[in-house]
Amino acid sequence: MTSRIPTLDIRRYDTDRDAFVAELGAAYREWGFAGISGHGIPQSQIDASYDVFKRFFALPEDVKKKYHVPGGGGARGYTPFGVETAKGAKHSDLKEFWHIGREIPRDSKYADVMPPNLWPEEIPEFKEVGYGLYRTLDQLGSRVLSALALHIGLPEDYFVDKTNFGNSILRPIHYPPITADDIPNERAGAHEDINLITLLVGASAAGLEVKSRKGEWVPFTAEADTIVVNIGDMLQRLTNHVYPSTTHRVVNPPGEEARKPRYSTPFFLHPNPDFLIDVLPSTVTTDSPSRYPEPITAQGYLEERLKEIKLK
């Protein structure tokens, strides 16, 4: 019997903090993944977001492609089907997506690497609904990071001033129906995320699989009111692999299920672009020496990785 990835109620962070922090930390050390319930995000907000996103993806191709920014690395707006490719994969992922980024003043020191958002004029409420979900998930992600900071002996607010202008991304994804049986591509090939943590809200169908430490692929289809939160490579590097960034994928469903579209919306929580990812001294021991003696800025690391997945 394969052990299951745990789901924890984040309300316990306020009512039973020490135990919650210990359990959450243990889940991430083992899996790099956990489900978060009790998050307080209304189902009506999630449903409204998916309604808007589905309506965008249903627009004609030539309309959607108006919002594609060539050479932009997919940072904002629309990325067409068949572009993103998992690192080392031969075939592109079976998906198209949209990117919403943080709204910042255009005279900000980060303006050169955090461009303004694009909004589809065909769907007037896309901006309000989409950015509302962005802000909600940003706040929840900050709570999760507070708990993780406590778990490794850092102040609760350690990440606050390192993510307040984070180059975080909300990514509504559409995986179209698969109409051929012998297709070599996967909906999302095996990969690790780039950022600090990822929050996945309301995946509409099964398909997410997480690779265990034993090398087994473990399906993780969360309950409707659960947000899946996983560790990204930046946090793995910062914590010297105390928190592993676990390989995961979205597999193609069998039979008739493959003929149905799949939608999901991950929120990739990033640090501020100039944050220096340097291994935390508290995570270095004689048994676990630093794996990354050379620090790198969050922006520098992001650009390296975007090239690997064919977005740069």
C-alpha atoms as a PDB file:
ATOM      1  CA  MET A   1       0.000   0.000   0.000  1.00  0.00           C
ATOM      2  CA  THR A   2       1.523   3.284  -1.092  1.00  0.00           C
ATOM      3  CA  SER A   3       1.385   5.929   1.620  1.00  0.00           C
ATOM      4  CA  ARG A   4      -0.770   8.902   0.737  1.00  0.00           C
ATOM      5  CA  ILE A   5       0.238  12.520   0.358  1.00  0.00           C
ATOM      6  CA  PRO A   6      -1.315  14.247   3.392  1.00  0.00           C
ATOM      7  CA  THR A   7      -3.917  17.018   3.395  1.00  0.00           C
ATOM      8  CA  LEU A   8      -3.763  19.458   6.325  1.00  0.00           C
ATOM      9  CA  ASP A   9      -6.218  22.101   7.556  1.00  0.00           C
ATOM     10  CA  ILE A  10      -4.415  25.447   7.558  1.00  0.00           C
ATOM     11  CA  ARG A  11      -6.816  26.828  10.183  1.00  0.00           C
ATOM     12  CA  ARG A  12      -4.728  24.834  12.642  1.00  0.00           C
ATOM     13  CA  TYR A  13      -1.915  27.325  12.019  1.00  0.00           C
ATOM     14  CA  ASP A  14      -3.930  29.675  14.261  1.00  0.00           C
ATOM     15  CA  THR A  15      -5.307  27.097  16.735  1.00  0.00           C
ATOM     16  CA  ASP A  16      -2.625  24.373  17.021  1.00  0.00           C
ATOM     17  CA  ARG A  17       0.443  26.013  15.516  1.00  0.00           C
ATOM     18  CA  ASP A  18       3.317  23.853  16.753  1.00  0.00           C
ATOM     19  CA  ALA A  19       1.663  20.592  15.736  1.00  0.00           C
ATOM     20  CA  PHE A  20       0.510  21.975  12.379  1.00  0.00           C
ATOM     21  CA  VAL A  21       3.980  23.324  11.543  1.00  0.00           C
ATOM     22  CA  ALA A  22       5.577  19.982  12.458  1.00  0.00           C
ATOM     23  CA  GLU A  23       3.108  17.982  10.360  1.00  0.00           C
ATOM     24  CA  LEU A  24       3.328  20.332   7.383  1.00  0.00           C
ATOM     25  CA  GLY A  25       7.124  20.328   7.502  1.00  0.00           C
ATOM     26  CA  ALA A  26       7.196  16.525   7.692  1.00  0.00           C
ATOM     27  CA  ALA A  27       4.854  16.263   4.695  1.00  0.00           C
ATOM     28  CA  TYR A  28       7.089  18.489   2.616  1.00  0.00           C
ATOM     29  CA  ARG A  29      10.288  16.749   3.673  1.00  0.00           C
ATOM     30  CA  GLU A  30       8.802  13.430   2.565  1.00  0.00           C
ATOM     31  CA  TRP A  31       6.758  14.386  -0.483  1.00  0.00           C
ATOM     32  CA  GLY A  32       7.455  17.993  -1.480  1.00  0.00           C
ATOM     33  CA  PHE A  33       3.652  18.085  -1.814  1.00  0.00           C
ATOM     34  CA  ALA A  34       0.668  18.547   0.527  1.00  0.00           C
ATOM     35  CA  GLY A  35      -2.998  19.360   0.263  1.00  0.00           C
ATOM     36  CA  ILE A  36      -4.206  22.477   2.084  1.00  0.00           C
ATOM     37  CA  SER A  37      -7.819  22.587   3.271  1.00  0.00           C
ATOM     38  CA  GLY A  38      -9.607  25.171   5.401  1.00  0.00           C
ATOM     39  CA  HIS A  39      -8.082  27.925   3.258  1.00  0.00           C
ATOM     40  CA  GLY A  40     -11.194  30.082   3.219  1.00  0.00           C
ATOM     41  CA  ILE A  41     -11.247  30.740  -0.524  1.00  0.00           C
ATOM     42  CA  PRO A  42     -14.934  30.699  -1.509  1.00  0.00           C
ATOM     43  CA  GLN A  43     -15.912  28.075  -4.067  1.00  0.00           C
ATOM     44  CA  SER A  44     -17.869  30.827  -5.824  1.00  0.00           C
ATOM     45  CA  GLN A  45     -14.598  32.717  -6.475  1.00  0.00           C
ATOM     46  CA  ILE A  46     -12.946  29.593  -7.899  1.00  0.00           C
ATOM     47  CA  ASP A  47     -15.980  28.798 -10.066  1.00  0.00           C
ATOM     48  CA  ALA A  48     -16.150  32.359 -11.402  1.00  0.00           C
ATOM     49  CA  SER A  49     -12.450  32.215 -12.285  1.00  0.00           C
ATOM     50  CA  TYR A  50     -12.781  28.955 -14.188  1.00  0.00           C
ATOM     51  CA  ASP A  51     -15.821  30.271 -16.031  1.00  0.00           C
ATOM     52  CA  VAL A  52     -13.845  33.276 -17.257  1.00  0.00           C
ATOM     53  CA  PHE A  53     -10.762  31.228 -18.154  1.00  0.00           C
ATOM     54  CA  LYS A  54     -12.785  28.631 -20.089  1.00  0.00           C
ATOM     55  CA  ARG A  55     -14.478  31.384 -22.060  1.00  0.00           C
ATOM     56  CA  PHE A  56     -11.111  32.782 -23.059  1.00  0.00           C
ATOM     57  CA  PHE A  57      -9.777  29.420 -24.228  1.00  0.00           C
ATOM     58  CA  ALA A  58     -12.971  28.908 -26.273  1.00  0.00           C
ATOM     59  CA  LEU A  59     -12.176  32.011 -28.369  1.00  0.00           C
ATOM     60  CA  PRO A  60     -10.941  31.500 -31.955  1.00  0.00           C
ATOM     61  CA  GLU A  61      -7.216  30.834 -32.361  1.00  0.00           C
ATOM     62  CA  ASP A  62      -6.576  34.076 -34.218  1.00  0.00           C
ATOM     63  CA  VAL A  63      -8.196  36.059 -31.398  1.00  0.00           C
ATOM     64  CA  LYS A  64      -6.152  34.323 -28.686  1.00  0.00           C
ATOM     65  CA  LYS A  65      -2.937  34.787 -30.636  1.00  0.00           C
ATOM     66  CA  LYS A  66      -3.420  38.563 -30.524  1.00  0.00           C
ATOM     67  CA  TYR A  67      -2.283  38.252 -26.905  1.00  0.00           C
ATOM     68  CA  HIS A  68       0.841  36.201 -27.588  1.00  0.00           C
ATOM     69  CA  VAL A  69       4.044  38.196 -27.038  1.00  0.00           C
ATOM     70  CA  PRO A  70       6.851  36.772 -29.228  1.00  0.00           C
ATOM     71  CA  GLY A  71      10.166  36.786 -27.382  1.00  0.00           C
ATOM     72  CA  GLY A  72       8.432  37.523 -24.080  1.00  0.00           C
ATOM     73  CA  GLY A  73       9.169  34.129 -22.588  1.00  0.00           C
ATOM     74  CA  GLY A  74       5.469  33.676 -21.965  1.00  0.00           C
ATOM     75  CA  ALA A  75       5.731  36.137 -19.077  1.00  0.00           C
ATOM     76  CA  ARG A  76       2.362  37.772 -19.780  1.00  0.00           C
ATOM     77  CA  GLY A  77      -0.626  37.017 -21.946  1.00  0.00           C
ATOM     78  CA  TYR A  78      -1.180  33.921 -24.066  1.00  0.00           C
ATOM     79  CA  THR A  79       1.136  31.006 -24.857  1.00  0.00           C
ATOM     80  CA  PRO A  80      -0.214  28.832 -27.689  1.00  0.00           C
ATOM     81  CA  PHE A  81      -0.600  25.077 -27.766  1.00  0.00           C
ATOM     82  CA  GLY A  82       2.563  23.037 -28.334  1.00  0.00           C
ATOM     83  CA  VAL A  83       5.190  25.510 -27.077  1.00  0.00           C
ATOM     84  CA  GLU A  84       6.234  24.602 -23.527  1.00  0.00           C
ATOM     85  CA  THR A  85       8.351  21.454 -23.323  1.00  0.00           C
ATOM     86  CA  ALA A  86       9.419  19.725 -20.099  1.00  0.00           C
ATOM     87  CA  LYS A  87      13.188  19.851 -19.555  1.00  0.00           C
ATOM     88  CA  GLY A  88      14.829  17.059 -21.533  1.00  0.00           C
ATOM     89  CA  ALA A  89      11.559  15.975 -23.206  1.00  0.00           C
ATOM     90  CA  LYS A  90      11.333  15.254 -26.935  1.00  0.00           C
ATOM     91  CA  HIS A  91       7.725  16.369 -27.282  1.00  0.00           C
ATOM     92  CA  SER A  92       5.921  19.526 -26.212  1.00  0.00           C
ATOM     93  CA  ASP A  93       3.193  19.490 -23.572  1.00  0.00           C
ATOM     94  CA  LEU A  94      -0.435  19.243 -24.696  1.00  0.00           C
ATOM     95  CA  LYS A  95      -1.600  22.575 -23.340  1.00  0.00           C
ATOM     96  CA  GLU A  96      -2.149  26.267 -23.934  1.00  0.00           C
ATOM     97  CA  PHE A  97      -2.128  28.842 -21.141  1.00  0.00           C
ATOM     98  CA  TRP A  98      -2.363  32.450 -20.033  1.00  0.00           C
ATOM     99  CA  HIS A  99      -0.095  34.290 -17.591  1.00  0.00           C
ATOM    100  CA  ILE A 100      -1.212  36.918 -15.081  1.00  0.00           C
ATOM    101  CA  GLY A 101       1.634  38.633 -13.205  1.00  0.00           C
ATOM    102  CA  ARG A 102       1.896  41.063 -10.333  1.00  0.00           C
ATOM    103  CA  GLU A 103       0.620  44.580 -10.932  1.00  0.00           C
ATOM    104  CA  ILE A 104       3.455  46.958 -10.015  1.00  0.00           C
ATOM    105  CA  PRO A 105       4.045  50.696 -10.559  1.00  0.00           C
ATOM    106  CA  ARG A 106       5.690  51.218 -13.943  1.00  0.00           C
ATOM    107  CA  ASP A 107       8.428  53.272 -12.250  1.00  0.00           C
ATOM    108  CA  SER A 108       9.299  50.287 -10.003  1.00  0.00           C
ATOM    109  CA  LYS A 109      12.900  49.047 -10.042  1.00  0.00           C
ATOM    110  CA  TYR A 110      11.469  45.708 -11.187  1.00  0.00           C
ATOM    111  CA  ALA A 111       9.551  47.121 -14.169  1.00  0.00           C
ATOM    112  CA  ASP A 112      12.143  45.955 -16.700  1.00  0.00           C
ATOM    113  CA  VAL A 113      11.661  42.280 -15.744  1.00  0.00           C
ATOM    114  CA  MET A 114       7.983  42.406 -14.715  1.00  0.00           C
ATOM    115  CA  PRO A 115       6.024  43.728 -17.724  1.00  0.00           C
ATOM    116  CA  PRO A 116       2.459  45.037 -17.497  1.00  0.00           C
ATOM    117  CA  ASN A 117      -0.356  42.534 -17.723  1.00  0.00           C
ATOM    118  CA  LEU A 118      -2.365  41.961 -20.865  1.00  0.00           C
ATOM    119  CA  TRP A 119      -6.144  41.565 -20.565  1.00  0.00           C
ATOM    120  CA  PRO A 120      -8.410  40.087 -23.250  1.00  0.00           C
ATOM    121  CA  GLU A 121     -10.820  42.797 -24.343  1.00  0.00           C
ATOM    122  CA  GLU A 122     -13.297  40.120 -25.504  1.00  0.00           C
ATOM    123  CA  ILE A 123     -13.964  39.146 -21.862  1.00  0.00           C
ATOM    124  CA  PRO A 124     -14.311  42.378 -19.845  1.00  0.00           C
ATOM    125  CA  GLU A 125     -14.447  40.699 -16.408  1.00  0.00           C
ATOM    126  CA  PHE A 126     -11.261  38.662 -16.991  1.00  0.00           C
ATOM    127  CA  LYS A 127      -9.090  41.286 -15.268  1.00  0.00           C
ATOM    128  CA  GLU A 128     -11.148  41.682 -12.106  1.00  0.00           C
ATOM    129  CA  VAL A 129     -11.778  37.967 -11.650  1.00  0.00           C
ATOM    130  CA  GLY A 130      -8.305  36.808 -12.690  1.00  0.00           C
ATOM    131  CA  TYR A 131      -6.372  39.299 -10.594  1.00  0.00           C
ATOM    132  CA  GLY A 132      -8.712  38.720  -7.663  1.00  0.00           C
ATOM    133  CA  LEU A 133      -7.720  35.035  -7.668  1.00  0.00           C
ATOM    134  CA  TYR A 134      -4.056  36.066  -8.024  1.00  0.00           C
ATOM    135  CA  ARG A 135      -4.231  38.162  -4.840  1.00  0.00           C
ATOM    136  CA  THR A 136      -6.121  35.484  -2.917  1.00  0.00           C
ATOM    137  CA  LEU A 137      -3.573  32.774  -3.722  1.00  0.00           C
ATOM    138  CA  ASP A 138      -0.682  35.151  -3.026  1.00  0.00           C
ATOM    139  CA  GLN A 139      -2.025  35.652   0.511  1.00  0.00           C
ATOM    140  CA  LEU A 140      -2.526  31.924   1.089  1.00  0.00           C
ATOM    141  CA  GLY A 141       0.963  31.194  -0.209  1.00  0.00           C
ATOM    142  CA  SER A 142       2.402  33.664   2.273  1.00  0.00           C
ATOM    143  CA  ARG A 143       0.729  31.759   5.133  1.00  0.00           C
ATOM    144  CA  VAL A 144       2.205  28.477   3.937  1.00  0.00           C
ATOM    145  CA  LEU A 145       5.666  30.070   3.692  1.00  0.00           C
ATOM    146  CA  SER A 146       5.300  31.413   7.253  1.00  0.00           C
ATOM    147  CA  ALA A 147       4.696  27.874   8.518  1.00  0.00           C
ATOM    148  CA  LEU A 148       7.625  26.486   6.533  1.00  0.00           C
ATOM    149  CA  ALA A 149       9.900  29.243   7.859  1.00  0.00           C
ATOM    150  CA  LEU A 150       9.006  28.289  11.436  1.00  0.00           C
ATOM    151  CA  HIS A 151       9.638  24.627  10.673  1.00  0.00           C
ATOM    152  CA  ILE A 152      13.281  25.287   9.755  1.00  0.00           C
ATOM    153  CA  GLY A 153      13.932  27.715  12.593  1.00  0.00           C
ATOM    154  CA  LEU A 154      13.466  31.006  10.759  1.00  0.00           C
ATOM    155  CA  PRO A 155      11.285  33.913  11.936  1.00  0.00           C
ATOM    156  CA  GLU A 156       7.649  33.580  10.898  1.00  0.00           C
ATOM    157  CA  ASP A 157       7.934  36.698   8.720  1.00  0.00           C
ATOM    158  CA  TYR A 158      11.208  35.649   7.049  1.00  0.00           C
ATOM    159  CA  PHE A 159       9.725  35.562   3.546  1.00  0.00           C
ATOM    160  CA  VAL A 160       7.521  38.671   3.786  1.00  0.00           C
ATOM    161  CA  ASP A 161       9.994  41.275   2.516  1.00  0.00           C
ATOM    162  CA  LYS A 162      11.474  38.750   0.053  1.00  0.00           C
ATOM    163  CA  THR A 163       8.206  38.044  -1.773  1.00  0.00           C
ATOM    164  CA  ASN A 164       6.244  41.311  -1.462  1.00  0.00           C
ATOM    165  CA  PHE A 165       7.228  42.194  -5.053  1.00  0.00           C
ATOM    166  CA  GLY A 166       7.676  38.580  -6.126  1.00  0.00           C
ATOM    167  CA  ASN A 167       7.548  37.834  -9.830  1.00  0.00           C
ATOM    168  CA  SER A 168       4.701  35.391  -9.165  1.00  0.00           C
ATOM    169  CA  ILE A 169       2.477  34.036 -11.941  1.00  0.00           C
ATOM    170  CA  LEU A 170      -1.109  32.811 -12.102  1.00  0.00           C
ATOM    171  CA  ARG A 171      -1.406  30.361 -14.984  1.00  0.00           C
ATOM    172  CA  PRO A 172      -4.843  29.260 -16.198  1.00  0.00           C
ATOM    173  CA  ILE A 173      -4.195  26.143 -18.335  1.00  0.00           C
ATOM    174  CA  HIS A 174      -6.342  24.405 -20.948  1.00  0.00           C
ATOM    175  CA  TYR A 175      -5.497  20.828 -21.930  1.00  0.00           C
ATOM    176  CA  PRO A 176      -7.646  20.203 -25.029  1.00  0.00           C
ATOM    177  CA  PRO A 177      -9.325  16.845 -25.711  1.00  0.00           C
ATOM    178  CA  ILE A 178      -6.923  14.194 -26.991  1.00  0.00           C
ATOM    179  CA  THR A 179      -8.290  12.797 -30.239  1.00  0.00           C
ATOM    180  CA  ALA A 180      -5.572  10.283 -31.233  1.00  0.00           C
ATOM    181  CA  ASP A 181      -4.658   7.125 -29.306  1.00  0.00           C
ATOM    182  CA  ASP A 182      -0.997   6.858 -30.278  1.00  0.00           C
ATOM    183  CA  ILE A 183       0.130  10.385 -29.397  1.00  0.00           C
ATOM    184  CA  PRO A 184       3.648  10.467 -27.842  1.00  0.00           C
ATOM    185  CA  ASN A 185       3.080  13.712 -25.913  1.00  0.00           C
ATOM    186  CA  GLU A 186       1.826  13.982 -22.339  1.00  0.00           C
ATOM    187  CA  ARG A 187      -0.475  16.737 -21.123  1.00  0.00           C
ATOM    188  CA  ALA A 188       2.441  17.876 -18.944  1.00  0.00           C
ATOM    189  CA  GLY A 189       5.699  15.929 -19.047  1.00  0.00           C
ATOM    190  CA  ALA A 190       7.566  15.002 -15.865  1.00  0.00           C
ATOM    191  CA  HIS A 191       9.066  18.166 -14.388  1.00  0.00           C
ATOM    192  CA  GLU A 192       9.834  20.158 -11.268  1.00  0.00           C
ATOM    193  CA  ASP A 193       8.574  23.704 -10.738  1.00  0.00           C
ATOM    194  CA  ILE A 194      10.987  26.637 -10.844  1.00  0.00           C
ATOM    195  CA  ASN A 195       9.614  28.886  -8.079  1.00  0.00           C
ATOM    196  CA  LEU A 196       9.387  28.814  -4.240  1.00  0.00           C
ATOM    197  CA  ILE A 197       6.006  27.095  -3.917  1.00  0.00           C
ATOM    198  CA  THR A 198       3.127  26.355  -6.282  1.00  0.00           C
ATOM    199  CA  LEU A 199      -0.554  26.493  -5.308  1.00  0.00           C
ATOM    200  CA  LEU A 200      -2.898  24.536  -7.573  1.00  0.00           C
ATOM    201  CA  VAL A 201      -6.554  25.469  -7.333  1.00  0.00           C
ATOM    202  CA  GLY A 202      -9.423  23.349  -8.634  1.00  0.00           C
ATOM    203  CA  ALA A 203      -7.895  20.941 -11.134  1.00  0.00           C
ATOM    204  CA  SER A 204     -11.016  19.821 -12.998  1.00  0.00           C
ATOM    205  CA  ALA A 205      -9.985  16.208 -13.608  1.00  0.00           C
ATOM    206  CA  ALA A 206      -7.616  13.475 -12.462  1.00  0.00           C
ATOM    207  CA  GLY A 207      -4.180  13.227 -14.018  1.00  0.00           C
ATOM    208  CA  LEU A 208      -1.686  14.772 -11.584  1.00  0.00           C
ATOM    209  CA  GLU A 209       0.927  12.223 -10.473  1.00  0.00           C
ATOM    210  CA  VAL A 210       3.762  12.762  -7.987  1.00  0.00           C
ATOM    211  CA  LYS A 211       6.984  10.727  -7.979  1.00  0.00           C
ATOM    212  CA  SER A 212       7.697   9.213  -4.568  1.00  0.00           C
ATOM    213  CA  ARG A 213      11.155   8.779  -3.078  1.00  0.00           C
ATOM    214  CA  LYS A 214      10.913   5.114  -4.087  1.00  0.00           C
ATOM    215  CA  GLY A 215      10.391   6.137  -7.687  1.00  0.00           C
ATOM    216  CA  GLU A 216       6.688   5.248  -7.801  1.00  0.00           C
ATOM    217  CA  TRP A 217       4.170   7.507  -9.524  1.00  0.00           C
ATOM    218  CA  VAL A 218       1.463   8.341  -6.970  1.00  0.00           C
ATOM    219  CA  PRO A 219      -1.822   9.848  -8.241  1.00  0.00           C
ATOM    220  CA  PHE A 220      -2.887  12.938  -6.287  1.00  0.00           C
ATOM    221  CA  THR A 221      -6.402  14.094  -7.076  1.00  0.00           C
ATOM    222  CA  ALA A 222      -7.395  16.398  -4.243  1.00  0.00           C
ATOM    223  CA  GLU A 223     -10.884  16.945  -2.891  1.00  0.00           C
ATOM    224  CA  ALA A 224     -12.767  19.870  -4.418  1.00  0.00           C
ATOM    225  CA  ASP A 225     -12.095  22.157  -1.444  1.00  0.00           C
ATOM    226  CA  THR A 226      -8.376  21.362  -1.246  1.00  0.00           C
ATOM    227  CA  ILE A 227      -5.542  23.375  -2.785  1.00  0.00           C
ATOM    228  CA  VAL A 228      -2.467  21.360  -3.704  1.00  0.00           C
ATOM    229  CA  VAL A 229       0.736  23.130  -2.641  1.00  0.00           C
ATOM    230  CA  ASN A 230       4.177  21.884  -3.706  1.00  0.00           C
ATOM    231  CA  ILE A 231       7.800  22.922  -3.324  1.00  0.00           C
ATOM    232  CA  GLY A 232       9.658  24.464  -6.263  1.00  0.00           C
ATOM    233  CA  ASP A 233      13.336  24.382  -7.153  1.00  0.00           C
ATOM    234  CA  MET A 234      14.092  27.815  -5.677  1.00  0.00           C
ATOM    235  CA  LEU A 235      12.969  26.722  -2.198  1.00  0.00           C
ATOM    236  CA  GLN A 236      14.743  23.391  -2.607  1.00  0.00           C
ATOM    237  CA  ARG A 237      17.947  25.273  -3.376  1.00  0.00           C
ATOM    238  CA  LEU A 238      17.459  27.816  -0.582  1.00  0.00           C
ATOM    239  CA  THR A 239      16.905  25.038   1.975  1.00  0.00           C
ATOM    240  CA  ASN A 240      19.711  22.768   0.701  1.00  0.00           C
ATOM    241  CA  HIS A 241      17.099  20.121  -0.239  1.00  0.00           C
ATOM    242  CA  VAL A 242      15.488  20.010   3.231  1.00  0.00           C
ATOM    243  CA  TYR A 243      12.336  20.640   1.195  1.00  0.00           C
ATOM    244  CA  PRO A 244      12.579  18.605  -2.023  1.00  0.00           C
ATOM    245  CA  SER A 245      11.161  19.871  -5.292  1.00  0.00           C
ATOM    246  CA  THR A 246       9.375  16.700  -6.344  1.00  0.00           C
ATOM    247  CA  THR A 247       9.002  15.522  -9.938  1.00  0.00           C
ATOM    248  CA  HIS A 248       5.386  15.481 -11.098  1.00  0.00           C
ATOM    249  CA  ARG A 249       3.429  15.197 -14.331  1.00  0.00           C
ATOM    250  CA  VAL A 250      -0.078  15.327 -15.787  1.00  0.00           C
ATOM    251  CA  VAL A 251      -0.787  12.060 -17.564  1.00  0.00           C
ATOM    252  CA  ASN A 252      -3.182  11.483 -20.418  1.00  0.00           C
ATOM    253  CA  PRO A 253      -6.355   9.803 -19.153  1.00  0.00           C
ATOM    254  CA  PRO A 254      -7.506   6.447 -20.575  1.00  0.00           C
ATOM    255  CA  GLY A 255     -10.302   5.873 -23.038  1.00  0.00           C
ATOM    256  CA  GLU A 256     -13.170   8.297 -23.337  1.00  0.00           C
ATOM    257  CA  GLU A 257     -11.822  10.465 -20.504  1.00  0.00           C
ATOM    258  CA  ALA A 258      -9.078  11.587 -22.905  1.00  0.00           C
ATOM    259  CA  ARG A 259     -11.731  13.099 -25.156  1.00  0.00           C
ATOM    260  CA  LYS A 260     -12.628  15.627 -22.473  1.00  0.00           C
ATOM    261  CA  PRO A 261     -10.761  18.902 -21.924  1.00  0.00           C
ATOM    262  CA  ARG A 262      -8.926  19.473 -18.644  1.00  0.00           C
ATOM    263  CA  TYR A 263      -8.449  22.839 -16.950  1.00  0.00           C
ATOM    264  CA  SER A 264      -6.231  23.753 -14.034  1.00  0.00           C
ATOM    265  CA  THR A 265      -4.856  26.955 -12.527  1.00  0.00           C
ATOM    266  CA  PRO A 266      -1.519  26.899 -10.713  1.00  0.00           C
ATOM    267  CA  PHE A 267      -0.130  29.952  -8.924  1.00  0.00           C
ATOM    268  CA  PHE A 268       3.677  30.006  -9.027  1.00  0.00           C
ATOM    269  CA  LEU A 269       4.891  32.007  -6.033  1.00  0.00           C
ATOM    270  CA  HIS A 270       8.263  33.636  -6.751  1.00  0.00           C
ATOM    271  CA  PRO A 271      10.607  35.793  -4.684  1.00  0.00           C
ATOM    272  CA  ASN A 272      11.423  39.369  -5.615  1.00  0.00           C
ATOM    273  CA  PRO A 273      13.597  39.376  -8.754  1.00  0.00           C
ATOM    274  CA  ASP A 274      16.717  40.598  -6.908  1.00  0.00           C
ATOM    275  CA  PHE A 275      16.382  38.109  -4.020  1.00  0.00           C
ATOM    276  CA  LEU A 276      19.657  36.202  -3.697  1.00  0.00           C
ATOM    277  CA  ILE A 277      19.056  32.459  -3.481  1.00  0.00           C
ATOM    278  CA  ASP A 278      21.873  31.496  -1.122  1.00  0.00           C
ATOM    279  CA  VAL A 279      21.717  28.276   0.908  1.00  0.00           C
ATOM    280  CA  LEU A 280      20.437  28.996   4.434  1.00  0.00           C
ATOM    281  CA  PRO A 281      23.217  28.348   6.953  1.00  0.00           C
ATOM    282  CA  SER A 282      20.780  26.537   9.250  1.00  0.00           C
ATOM    283  CA  THR A 283      20.239  23.873   6.575  1.00  0.00           C
ATOM    284  CA  VAL A 284      23.941  23.054   6.192  1.00  0.00           C
ATOM    285  CA  THR A 285      25.331  20.267   8.405  1.00  0.00           C
ATOM    286  CA  THR A 286      28.327  17.935   8.367  1.00  0.00           C
ATOM    287  CA  ASP A 287      26.048  15.224   6.971  1.00  0.00           C
ATOM    288  CA  SER A 288      24.473  17.619   4.484  1.00  0.00           C
ATOM    289  CA  PRO A 289      27.070  20.099   3.186  1.00  0.00           C
ATOM    290  CA  SER A 290      25.947  22.939   0.933  1.00  0.00           C
ATOM    291  CA  ARG A 291      25.006  21.693  -2.522  1.00  0.00           C
ATOM    292  CA  TYR A 292      25.106  25.219  -3.985  1.00  0.00           C
ATOM    293  CA  PRO A 293      28.172  27.209  -2.960  1.00  0.00           C
ATOM    294  CA  GLU A 294      27.418  29.835  -5.633  1.00  0.00           C
ATOM    295  CA  PRO A 295      24.364  32.051  -4.936  1.00  0.00           C
ATOM    296  CA  ILE A 296      22.157  33.267  -7.783  1.00  0.00           C
ATOM    297  CA  THR A 297      19.437  35.919  -8.019  1.00  0.00           C
ATOM    298  CA  ALA A 298      15.856  34.767  -8.461  1.00  0.00           C
ATOM    299  CA  GLN A 299      15.687  36.528 -11.836  1.00  0.00           C
ATOM    300  CA  GLY A 300      18.922  34.949 -13.038  1.00  0.00           C
ATOM    301  CA  TYR A 301      17.686  31.510 -12.030  1.00  0.00           C
ATOM    302  CA  LEU A 302      14.300  32.059 -13.677  1.00  0.00           C
ATOM    303  CA  GLU A 303      15.893  33.037 -16.988  1.00  0.00           C
ATOM    304  CA  GLU A 304      18.141  29.958 -16.941  1.00  0.00           C
ATOM    305  CA  ARG A 305      15.178  27.690 -16.423  1.00  0.00           C
ATOM    306  CA  LEU A 306      12.860  29.334 -18.983  1.00  0.00           C
ATOM    307  CA  LYS A 307      15.414  28.551 -21.682  1.00  0.00           C
ATOM    308  CA  GLU A 308      15.397  24.887 -20.643  1.00  0.00           C
ATOM    309  CA  ILE A 309      11.622  24.566 -21.080  1.00  0.00           C
ATOM    310  CA  LYS A 310      11.553  26.389 -24.459  1.00  0.00           C
ATOM    311  CA  LEU A 311       9.816  29.531 -23.193  1.00  0.00           C
ATOM    312  CA  LYS A 312      12.861  31.771 -23.736  1.00  0.00           C
END
